[in-house]
Amino acid sequence: MEKDRCFRFHIRITAKDLWGFSMYHSNKGYLGIFNVFFTLAALWLLVTKWGQFNIPYRLLLVVCALMFTVWQPFLLYLKARKQAKGTMVKEPMEMIFSKEGFVIEQGGQKQEVSWEQIGRVEYVKGMLIIYMSRIHAYLLPDRAVGEEKEKLRKLLRESVPKERRKRV
C-alpha cells in the first residue's frame, strides 16, 4: 500500500540552499516588512529630495537603500558559502521517510526521528524545512525530492499535526 511506502532521498546541501534558507529567515514577518519600508523610504528620499541634501547625506541614503537589497544578501551568501564548506553540510545525507518518522544517515552516523519529535515543518521557496528546534533544522530541496514531492507532502500532512505544518 502507498501509505506504507518509504521515501529515500540523497541530499547534498549547497551554499545556494543555505543562502535561500538564511534569506527566508532574515526577511520573514515584521522584520521583512521593516526592511521593505526602510528601503522604500530611503529610495523615496533619494528621488524626491536629491537636490536638497549635501553629498554625505546622499551617500548615507544610498547606503540605506542598498543595505537590505544588496549588502545583506551578499553577506548572507558569504556566510552560507563558508557554512557549506563545513563537514556537517559538505557530507551528503540520506533521509528515509516512513509513516513512523524519518531516519537521517550522514557520515556513518544514523539518527531516527519520530513525527512527535519535530517542532514544525514548512515548505518555502523550493525547499522543505524540518525544524527539530528553533536552531536546528533539516533542509530538503525540491531537486533532491524530485517526482516524489507531492507524495512526501501527503505523508507529512498525514503525519504532522496541522498546527506544526506551514504550506506543506
N, C-alpha and C. Protein backbone atom coordinates (compact mmCIF):
# COMPACT_ATOMS: atom_id res chain seq x y z
N MET A 1 0.83 -1.19 0.00
CA MET A 1 0.00 0.00 0.00
C MET A 1 0.87 1.25 0.00
N GLU A 2 0.40 2.34 -0.61
CA GLU A 2 1.20 3.54 -0.73
C GLU A 2 1.49 4.19 0.62
N LYS A 3 0.58 4.05 1.59
CA LYS A 3 0.80 4.64 2.91
C LYS A 3 2.03 4.04 3.58
N ASP A 4 2.29 2.77 3.35
CA ASP A 4 3.41 2.10 3.99
C ASP A 4 4.72 2.32 3.24
N ARG A 5 4.68 2.98 2.14
CA ARG A 5 5.85 3.18 1.31
C ARG A 5 6.86 4.11 1.98
N CYS A 6 8.13 3.80 1.82
CA CYS A 6 9.21 4.64 2.33
C CYS A 6 9.73 5.51 1.20
N PHE A 7 10.19 6.68 1.55
CA PHE A 7 10.80 7.58 0.59
C PHE A 7 12.25 7.78 1.00
N ARG A 8 13.18 7.55 0.09
CA ARG A 8 14.61 7.71 0.38
C ARG A 8 15.16 8.81 -0.52
N PHE A 9 15.84 9.76 0.11
CA PHE A 9 16.39 10.89 -0.64
C PHE A 9 17.87 11.07 -0.30
N HIS A 10 18.65 11.26 -1.35
CA HIS A 10 20.07 11.58 -1.21
C HIS A 10 20.18 13.10 -1.29
N ILE A 11 20.69 13.71 -0.25
CA ILE A 11 20.69 15.17 -0.17
C ILE A 11 22.10 15.71 -0.04
N ARG A 12 22.41 16.66 -0.88
CA ARG A 12 23.66 17.40 -0.80
C ARG A 12 23.28 18.87 -0.75
N ILE A 13 23.43 19.45 0.42
CA ILE A 13 23.07 20.86 0.61
C ILE A 13 24.14 21.75 0.00
N THR A 14 23.72 22.76 -0.74
CA THR A 14 24.65 23.69 -1.38
C THR A 14 24.61 25.05 -0.68
N ALA A 15 25.55 25.89 -1.03
CA ALA A 15 25.59 27.25 -0.49
C ALA A 15 24.31 27.99 -0.90
N LYS A 16 23.80 27.71 -2.09
CA LYS A 16 22.57 28.35 -2.55
C LYS A 16 21.38 27.96 -1.67
N ASP A 17 21.31 26.69 -1.25
CA ASP A 17 20.24 26.24 -0.36
C ASP A 17 20.33 26.97 0.98
N LEU A 18 21.52 27.03 1.52
CA LEU A 18 21.72 27.70 2.81
C LEU A 18 21.42 29.19 2.70
N TRP A 19 21.81 29.79 1.57
CA TRP A 19 21.54 31.21 1.35
C TRP A 19 20.02 31.47 1.28
N GLY A 20 19.30 30.61 0.55
CA GLY A 20 17.85 30.76 0.47
C GLY A 20 17.18 30.63 1.82
N PHE A 21 17.64 29.69 2.62
CA PHE A 21 17.14 29.49 3.98
C PHE A 21 17.42 30.73 4.83
N SER A 22 18.64 31.26 4.74
CA SER A 22 19.01 32.46 5.51
C SER A 22 18.21 33.68 5.06
N MET A 23 18.02 33.83 3.76
CA MET A 23 17.24 34.96 3.25
C MET A 23 15.80 34.88 3.74
N TYR A 24 15.25 33.67 3.75
CA TYR A 24 13.88 33.49 4.24
C TYR A 24 13.77 33.94 5.69
N HIS A 25 14.71 33.49 6.52
CA HIS A 25 14.64 33.83 7.94
C HIS A 25 14.97 35.30 8.20
N SER A 26 15.77 35.91 7.35
CA SER A 26 16.13 37.31 7.54
C SER A 26 15.03 38.27 7.08
N ASN A 27 14.12 37.78 6.27
CA ASN A 27 13.13 38.67 5.68
C ASN A 27 11.69 38.24 5.92
N LYS A 28 11.46 37.37 6.89
CA LYS A 28 10.08 36.96 7.14
C LYS A 28 9.48 37.79 8.27
N GLY A 29 8.18 37.85 8.28
CA GLY A 29 7.46 38.52 9.36
C GLY A 29 7.68 40.02 9.39
N TYR A 30 7.67 40.56 10.60
CA TYR A 30 7.80 42.01 10.79
C TYR A 30 9.15 42.53 10.33
N LEU A 31 10.17 41.73 10.46
CA LEU A 31 11.50 42.15 10.02
C LEU A 31 11.52 42.40 8.51
N GLY A 32 10.89 41.52 7.76
CA GLY A 32 10.81 41.70 6.31
C GLY A 32 10.02 42.94 5.93
N ILE A 33 8.93 43.18 6.65
CA ILE A 33 8.13 44.38 6.40
C ILE A 33 8.94 45.64 6.69
N PHE A 34 9.67 45.61 7.82
CA PHE A 34 10.54 46.74 8.15
C PHE A 34 11.57 46.96 7.06
N ASN A 35 12.22 45.89 6.58
CA ASN A 35 13.24 46.01 5.54
C ASN A 35 12.69 46.67 4.28
N VAL A 36 11.49 46.27 3.89
CA VAL A 36 10.87 46.85 2.69
C VAL A 36 10.57 48.33 2.90
N PHE A 37 9.94 48.68 4.02
CA PHE A 37 9.62 50.09 4.28
C PHE A 37 10.87 50.94 4.42
N PHE A 38 11.89 50.43 5.09
CA PHE A 38 13.15 51.16 5.26
C PHE A 38 13.77 51.46 3.89
N THR A 39 13.82 50.44 3.04
CA THR A 39 14.40 50.60 1.70
C THR A 39 13.58 51.58 0.86
N LEU A 40 12.25 51.42 0.90
CA LEU A 40 11.39 52.33 0.12
C LEU A 40 11.50 53.77 0.62
N ALA A 41 11.59 53.96 1.93
CA ALA A 41 11.73 55.30 2.49
C ALA A 41 13.05 55.93 2.03
N ALA A 42 14.13 55.17 2.06
CA ALA A 42 15.42 55.68 1.61
C ALA A 42 15.38 56.03 0.12
N LEU A 43 14.77 55.17 -0.69
CA LEU A 43 14.65 55.45 -2.12
C LEU A 43 13.78 56.68 -2.38
N TRP A 44 12.68 56.78 -1.65
CA TRP A 44 11.79 57.93 -1.82
C TRP A 44 12.52 59.23 -1.48
N LEU A 45 13.26 59.25 -0.38
CA LEU A 45 14.03 60.44 -0.01
C LEU A 45 15.10 60.75 -1.06
N LEU A 46 15.75 59.73 -1.58
CA LEU A 46 16.76 59.95 -2.62
C LEU A 46 16.17 60.59 -3.86
N VAL A 47 15.03 60.10 -4.29
CA VAL A 47 14.41 60.58 -5.52
C VAL A 47 13.79 61.97 -5.34
N THR A 48 13.07 62.16 -4.26
CA THR A 48 12.32 63.41 -4.11
C THR A 48 13.13 64.56 -3.51
N LYS A 49 14.18 64.27 -2.76
CA LYS A 49 14.93 65.33 -2.06
C LYS A 49 16.40 65.41 -2.48
N TRP A 50 16.75 64.79 -3.59
CA TRP A 50 18.15 64.72 -4.02
C TRP A 50 18.83 66.09 -4.01
N GLY A 51 18.23 67.08 -4.58
CA GLY A 51 18.83 68.40 -4.69
C GLY A 51 18.93 69.14 -3.36
N GLN A 52 18.17 68.76 -2.37
CA GLN A 52 18.18 69.44 -1.07
C GLN A 52 19.22 68.90 -0.11
N PHE A 53 19.79 67.72 -0.41
CA PHE A 53 20.74 67.09 0.51
C PHE A 53 22.17 67.31 0.05
N ASN A 54 23.08 67.41 1.03
CA ASN A 54 24.50 67.51 0.69
C ASN A 54 25.03 66.10 0.40
N ILE A 55 26.27 66.01 -0.07
CA ILE A 55 26.84 64.74 -0.53
C ILE A 55 26.90 63.67 0.57
N PRO A 56 27.36 63.98 1.79
CA PRO A 56 27.38 62.93 2.81
C PRO A 56 25.98 62.35 3.11
N TYR A 57 24.96 63.21 3.10
CA TYR A 57 23.59 62.74 3.36
C TYR A 57 23.09 61.87 2.21
N ARG A 58 23.43 62.25 0.97
CA ARG A 58 23.07 61.43 -0.20
C ARG A 58 23.72 60.05 -0.10
N LEU A 59 25.01 60.02 0.25
CA LEU A 59 25.72 58.75 0.38
C LEU A 59 25.08 57.88 1.47
N LEU A 60 24.69 58.50 2.57
CA LEU A 60 24.04 57.77 3.64
C LEU A 60 22.73 57.14 3.14
N LEU A 61 21.95 57.89 2.38
CA LEU A 61 20.70 57.36 1.84
C LEU A 61 20.94 56.24 0.82
N VAL A 62 21.99 56.36 0.01
CA VAL A 62 22.33 55.29 -0.93
C VAL A 62 22.68 54.02 -0.16
N VAL A 63 23.48 54.17 0.90
CA VAL A 63 23.83 53.01 1.74
C VAL A 63 22.57 52.41 2.36
N CYS A 64 21.68 53.25 2.85
CA CYS A 64 20.42 52.75 3.44
C CYS A 64 19.58 52.00 2.40
N ALA A 65 19.52 52.53 1.19
CA ALA A 65 18.73 51.89 0.13
C ALA A 65 19.32 50.54 -0.27
N LEU A 66 20.65 50.42 -0.20
CA LEU A 66 21.32 49.18 -0.61
C LEU A 66 21.48 48.17 0.53
N MET A 67 21.24 48.60 1.76
CA MET A 67 21.51 47.74 2.91
C MET A 67 20.78 46.40 2.85
N PHE A 68 19.47 46.41 2.61
CA PHE A 68 18.68 45.18 2.62
C PHE A 68 18.48 44.57 1.24
N THR A 69 18.85 45.33 0.20
CA THR A 69 18.66 44.82 -1.15
C THR A 69 19.93 44.24 -1.75
N VAL A 70 21.08 44.70 -1.30
CA VAL A 70 22.35 44.24 -1.85
C VAL A 70 23.29 43.74 -0.75
N TRP A 71 23.56 44.57 0.23
CA TRP A 71 24.55 44.26 1.24
C TRP A 71 24.17 43.02 2.08
N GLN A 72 22.97 43.00 2.65
CA GLN A 72 22.55 41.86 3.47
C GLN A 72 22.54 40.55 2.67
N PRO A 73 21.95 40.49 1.48
CA PRO A 73 22.01 39.24 0.71
C PRO A 73 23.44 38.80 0.40
N PHE A 74 24.31 39.76 0.10
CA PHE A 74 25.71 39.43 -0.18
C PHE A 74 26.39 38.84 1.05
N LEU A 75 26.21 39.45 2.20
CA LEU A 75 26.81 38.92 3.43
C LEU A 75 26.25 37.55 3.80
N LEU A 76 24.96 37.38 3.61
CA LEU A 76 24.35 36.08 3.89
C LEU A 76 24.88 35.00 2.94
N TYR A 77 25.14 35.38 1.69
CA TYR A 77 25.71 34.42 0.76
C TYR A 77 27.12 34.02 1.17
N LEU A 78 27.93 35.01 1.57
CA LEU A 78 29.28 34.69 2.03
C LEU A 78 29.25 33.75 3.23
N LYS A 79 28.33 34.00 4.14
CA LYS A 79 28.19 33.13 5.32
C LYS A 79 27.75 31.72 4.89
N ALA A 80 26.80 31.64 3.98
CA ALA A 80 26.31 30.35 3.51
C ALA A 80 27.41 29.57 2.78
N ARG A 81 28.20 30.28 1.99
CA ARG A 81 29.29 29.63 1.26
C ARG A 81 30.32 29.05 2.24
N LYS A 82 30.62 29.80 3.28
CA LYS A 82 31.55 29.32 4.31
C LYS A 82 30.95 28.12 5.05
N GLN A 83 29.67 28.21 5.37
CA GLN A 83 28.98 27.13 6.08
C GLN A 83 28.91 25.87 5.21
N ALA A 84 28.74 26.03 3.91
CA ALA A 84 28.63 24.89 3.00
C ALA A 84 29.93 24.11 2.92
N LYS A 85 31.03 24.74 3.26
CA LYS A 85 32.33 24.06 3.24
C LYS A 85 32.58 23.27 4.52
N GLY A 86 31.71 23.46 5.53
CA GLY A 86 31.86 22.74 6.80
C GLY A 86 31.53 21.27 6.65
N THR A 87 32.10 20.45 7.51
CA THR A 87 31.95 18.99 7.43
C THR A 87 30.50 18.54 7.47
N MET A 88 29.70 19.10 8.38
CA MET A 88 28.32 18.64 8.53
C MET A 88 27.44 18.97 7.33
N VAL A 89 27.79 19.99 6.60
CA VAL A 89 27.00 20.36 5.43
C VAL A 89 27.59 19.73 4.17
N LYS A 90 28.88 19.69 4.09
CA LYS A 90 29.56 19.17 2.92
C LYS A 90 29.29 17.67 2.71
N GLU A 91 29.19 16.94 3.80
CA GLU A 91 28.94 15.49 3.75
C GLU A 91 27.51 15.23 3.26
N PRO A 92 27.32 14.41 2.22
CA PRO A 92 25.96 14.11 1.76
C PRO A 92 25.16 13.37 2.84
N MET A 93 23.87 13.46 2.74
CA MET A 93 22.98 12.89 3.75
C MET A 93 21.90 12.08 3.06
N GLU A 94 21.50 11.01 3.70
CA GLU A 94 20.36 10.21 3.25
C GLU A 94 19.23 10.44 4.24
N MET A 95 18.04 10.70 3.72
CA MET A 95 16.86 10.82 4.58
C MET A 95 15.84 9.81 4.08
N ILE A 96 15.33 9.01 5.02
CA ILE A 96 14.36 7.98 4.70
C ILE A 96 13.09 8.29 5.50
N PHE A 97 12.00 8.54 4.79
CA PHE A 97 10.73 8.91 5.41
C PHE A 97 9.78 7.72 5.38
N SER A 98 9.05 7.53 6.46
CA SER A 98 8.02 6.50 6.53
C SER A 98 6.89 7.01 7.42
N LYS A 99 5.86 6.22 7.59
CA LYS A 99 4.74 6.67 8.42
C LYS A 99 5.12 6.80 9.89
N GLU A 100 6.20 6.16 10.32
CA GLU A 100 6.64 6.25 11.71
C GLU A 100 7.47 7.50 11.99
N GLY A 101 8.14 8.03 10.97
CA GLY A 101 9.02 9.18 11.13
C GLY A 101 10.04 9.20 10.02
N PHE A 102 11.25 9.63 10.34
CA PHE A 102 12.30 9.61 9.33
C PHE A 102 13.64 9.28 9.97
N VAL A 103 14.55 8.84 9.13
CA VAL A 103 15.89 8.46 9.55
C VAL A 103 16.87 9.31 8.75
N ILE A 104 17.87 9.84 9.45
CA ILE A 104 18.92 10.61 8.81
C ILE A 104 20.21 9.82 8.93
N GLU A 105 20.87 9.59 7.80
CA GLU A 105 22.17 8.91 7.80
C GLU A 105 23.18 9.86 7.16
N GLN A 106 24.26 10.11 7.92
CA GLN A 106 25.28 11.01 7.41
C GLN A 106 26.61 10.68 8.07
N GLY A 107 27.64 10.54 7.27
CA GLY A 107 28.97 10.31 7.79
C GLY A 107 29.08 9.10 8.71
N GLY A 108 28.37 8.04 8.38
CA GLY A 108 28.43 6.83 9.20
C GLY A 108 27.58 6.88 10.46
N GLN A 109 26.88 7.98 10.68
CA GLN A 109 26.01 8.10 11.84
C GLN A 109 24.56 8.02 11.38
N LYS A 110 23.71 7.58 12.30
CA LYS A 110 22.30 7.39 11.99
C LYS A 110 21.46 7.95 13.14
N GLN A 111 20.42 8.69 12.78
CA GLN A 111 19.50 9.22 13.78
C GLN A 111 18.08 8.94 13.34
N GLU A 112 17.30 8.34 14.23
CA GLU A 112 15.89 8.08 13.96
C GLU A 112 15.06 9.14 14.66
N VAL A 113 14.09 9.67 13.94
CA VAL A 113 13.25 10.74 14.46
C VAL A 113 11.78 10.37 14.24
N SER A 114 11.01 10.39 15.31
CA SER A 114 9.57 10.14 15.16
C SER A 114 8.90 11.48 14.85
N TRP A 115 7.70 11.42 14.32
CA TRP A 115 6.99 12.64 13.96
C TRP A 115 6.71 13.51 15.18
N GLU A 116 6.58 12.91 16.34
CA GLU A 116 6.30 13.68 17.57
C GLU A 116 7.50 14.52 18.00
N GLN A 117 8.70 14.17 17.55
CA GLN A 117 9.91 14.86 17.95
C GLN A 117 10.17 16.16 17.19
N ILE A 118 9.52 16.33 16.06
CA ILE A 118 9.82 17.54 15.27
C ILE A 118 9.03 18.73 15.79
N GLY A 119 9.64 19.90 15.64
CA GLY A 119 8.99 21.14 16.08
C GLY A 119 7.94 21.59 15.08
N ARG A 120 8.36 21.70 13.81
CA ARG A 120 7.40 22.08 12.76
C ARG A 120 8.02 21.80 11.40
N VAL A 121 7.16 21.81 10.39
CA VAL A 121 7.58 21.57 9.01
C VAL A 121 7.03 22.71 8.17
N GLU A 122 7.88 23.29 7.33
CA GLU A 122 7.46 24.38 6.44
C GLU A 122 7.95 24.08 5.03
N TYR A 123 7.17 24.53 4.06
CA TYR A 123 7.63 24.49 2.68
C TYR A 123 7.84 25.93 2.23
N VAL A 124 9.06 26.23 1.80
CA VAL A 124 9.42 27.59 1.43
C VAL A 124 10.30 27.58 0.19
N LYS A 125 9.92 28.32 -0.82
CA LYS A 125 10.74 28.58 -2.00
C LYS A 125 11.61 27.41 -2.45
N GLY A 126 10.98 26.33 -2.84
CA GLY A 126 11.72 25.22 -3.40
C GLY A 126 12.40 24.31 -2.40
N MET A 127 12.02 24.42 -1.13
CA MET A 127 12.62 23.50 -0.16
C MET A 127 11.69 23.26 1.01
N LEU A 128 11.79 22.06 1.53
CA LEU A 128 11.06 21.66 2.71
C LEU A 128 12.01 21.85 3.89
N ILE A 129 11.54 22.49 4.94
CA ILE A 129 12.35 22.72 6.13
C ILE A 129 11.72 21.96 7.28
N ILE A 130 12.49 21.06 7.89
CA ILE A 130 12.01 20.30 9.03
C ILE A 130 12.76 20.81 10.26
N TYR A 131 12.04 21.54 11.10
CA TYR A 131 12.64 22.11 12.30
C TYR A 131 12.58 21.11 13.44
N MET A 132 13.74 20.82 14.01
CA MET A 132 13.79 19.98 15.19
C MET A 132 13.66 20.86 16.44
N SER A 133 14.20 22.06 16.35
CA SER A 133 14.12 23.05 17.42
C SER A 133 14.23 24.42 16.75
N ARG A 134 14.33 25.46 17.54
CA ARG A 134 14.45 26.81 16.96
C ARG A 134 15.76 27.01 16.20
N ILE A 135 16.79 26.25 16.57
CA ILE A 135 18.10 26.46 15.94
C ILE A 135 18.60 25.27 15.11
N HIS A 136 17.86 24.20 15.08
CA HIS A 136 18.28 23.02 14.34
C HIS A 136 17.19 22.63 13.34
N ALA A 137 17.57 22.57 12.07
CA ALA A 137 16.60 22.22 11.03
C ALA A 137 17.29 21.41 9.94
N TYR A 138 16.51 20.59 9.27
CA TYR A 138 16.97 19.85 8.10
C TYR A 138 16.34 20.49 6.86
N LEU A 139 17.17 20.69 5.83
CA LEU A 139 16.69 21.25 4.58
C LEU A 139 16.57 20.13 3.56
N LEU A 140 15.46 20.12 2.87
CA LEU A 140 15.20 19.10 1.85
C LEU A 140 14.80 19.82 0.56
N PRO A 141 15.79 20.16 -0.29
CA PRO A 141 15.50 20.88 -1.53
C PRO A 141 14.65 20.05 -2.49
N ASP A 142 13.83 20.72 -3.29
CA ASP A 142 12.99 20.06 -4.27
C ASP A 142 13.80 19.19 -5.24
N ARG A 143 14.99 19.63 -5.60
CA ARG A 143 15.80 18.86 -6.56
C ARG A 143 16.16 17.49 -6.00
N ALA A 144 16.25 17.35 -4.66
CA ALA A 144 16.57 16.06 -4.04
C ALA A 144 15.32 15.17 -3.98
N VAL A 145 14.16 15.79 -3.89
CA VAL A 145 12.91 15.04 -3.76
C VAL A 145 12.39 14.58 -5.11
N GLY A 146 12.57 15.41 -6.11
CA GLY A 146 12.16 15.06 -7.47
C GLY A 146 10.68 14.79 -7.61
N GLU A 147 10.35 13.68 -8.27
CA GLU A 147 8.96 13.33 -8.58
C GLU A 147 8.16 12.92 -7.36
N GLU A 148 8.82 12.64 -6.26
CA GLU A 148 8.15 12.17 -5.04
C GLU A 148 7.63 13.32 -4.18
N LYS A 149 7.78 14.54 -4.64
CA LYS A 149 7.44 15.72 -3.85
C LYS A 149 6.02 15.69 -3.30
N GLU A 150 5.05 15.49 -4.15
CA GLU A 150 3.65 15.51 -3.70
C GLU A 150 3.33 14.34 -2.77
N LYS A 151 3.91 13.19 -3.04
CA LYS A 151 3.67 12.02 -2.18
C LYS A 151 4.29 12.25 -0.79
N LEU A 152 5.47 12.86 -0.76
CA LEU A 152 6.10 13.18 0.52
C LEU A 152 5.28 14.22 1.28
N ARG A 153 4.82 15.24 0.58
CA ARG A 153 4.00 16.26 1.23
C ARG A 153 2.71 15.65 1.79
N LYS A 154 2.14 14.69 1.07
CA LYS A 154 0.94 14.00 1.56
C LYS A 154 1.26 13.23 2.84
N LEU A 155 2.39 12.54 2.85
CA LEU A 155 2.81 11.82 4.06
C LEU A 155 2.98 12.78 5.23
N LEU A 156 3.57 13.92 4.98
CA LEU A 156 3.77 14.92 6.04
C LEU A 156 2.44 15.47 6.55
N ARG A 157 1.50 15.72 5.63
CA ARG A 157 0.18 16.20 6.05
C ARG A 157 -0.54 15.17 6.91
N GLU A 158 -0.33 13.89 6.61
CA GLU A 158 -0.96 12.82 7.39
C GLU A 158 -0.25 12.60 8.73
N SER A 159 1.04 12.88 8.81
CA SER A 159 1.84 12.52 9.97
C SER A 159 2.08 13.66 10.96
N VAL A 160 2.09 14.88 10.47
CA VAL A 160 2.40 16.03 11.32
C VAL A 160 1.12 16.82 11.56
N PRO A 161 0.78 17.10 12.82
CA PRO A 161 -0.43 17.86 13.11
C PRO A 161 -0.44 19.22 12.40
N LYS A 162 -1.62 19.67 12.05
CA LYS A 162 -1.78 20.91 11.27
C LYS A 162 -1.10 22.12 11.90
N GLU A 163 -1.16 22.22 13.23
CA GLU A 163 -0.56 23.38 13.91
C GLU A 163 0.98 23.39 13.83
N ARG A 164 1.57 22.28 13.39
CA ARG A 164 3.02 22.22 13.26
C ARG A 164 3.45 22.14 11.78
N ARG A 165 2.54 22.50 10.87
CA ARG A 165 2.83 22.49 9.44
C ARG A 165 2.50 23.86 8.85
N LYS A 166 3.29 24.26 7.88
CA LYS A 166 3.01 25.51 7.18
C LYS A 166 3.31 25.31 5.69
N ARG A 167 2.32 25.51 4.86
CA ARG A 167 2.42 25.38 3.39
C ARG A 167 2.94 24.00 2.94
N VAL A 168 2.59 22.97 3.66
CA VAL A 168 3.02 21.61 3.27
C VAL A 168 1.95 20.96 2.44
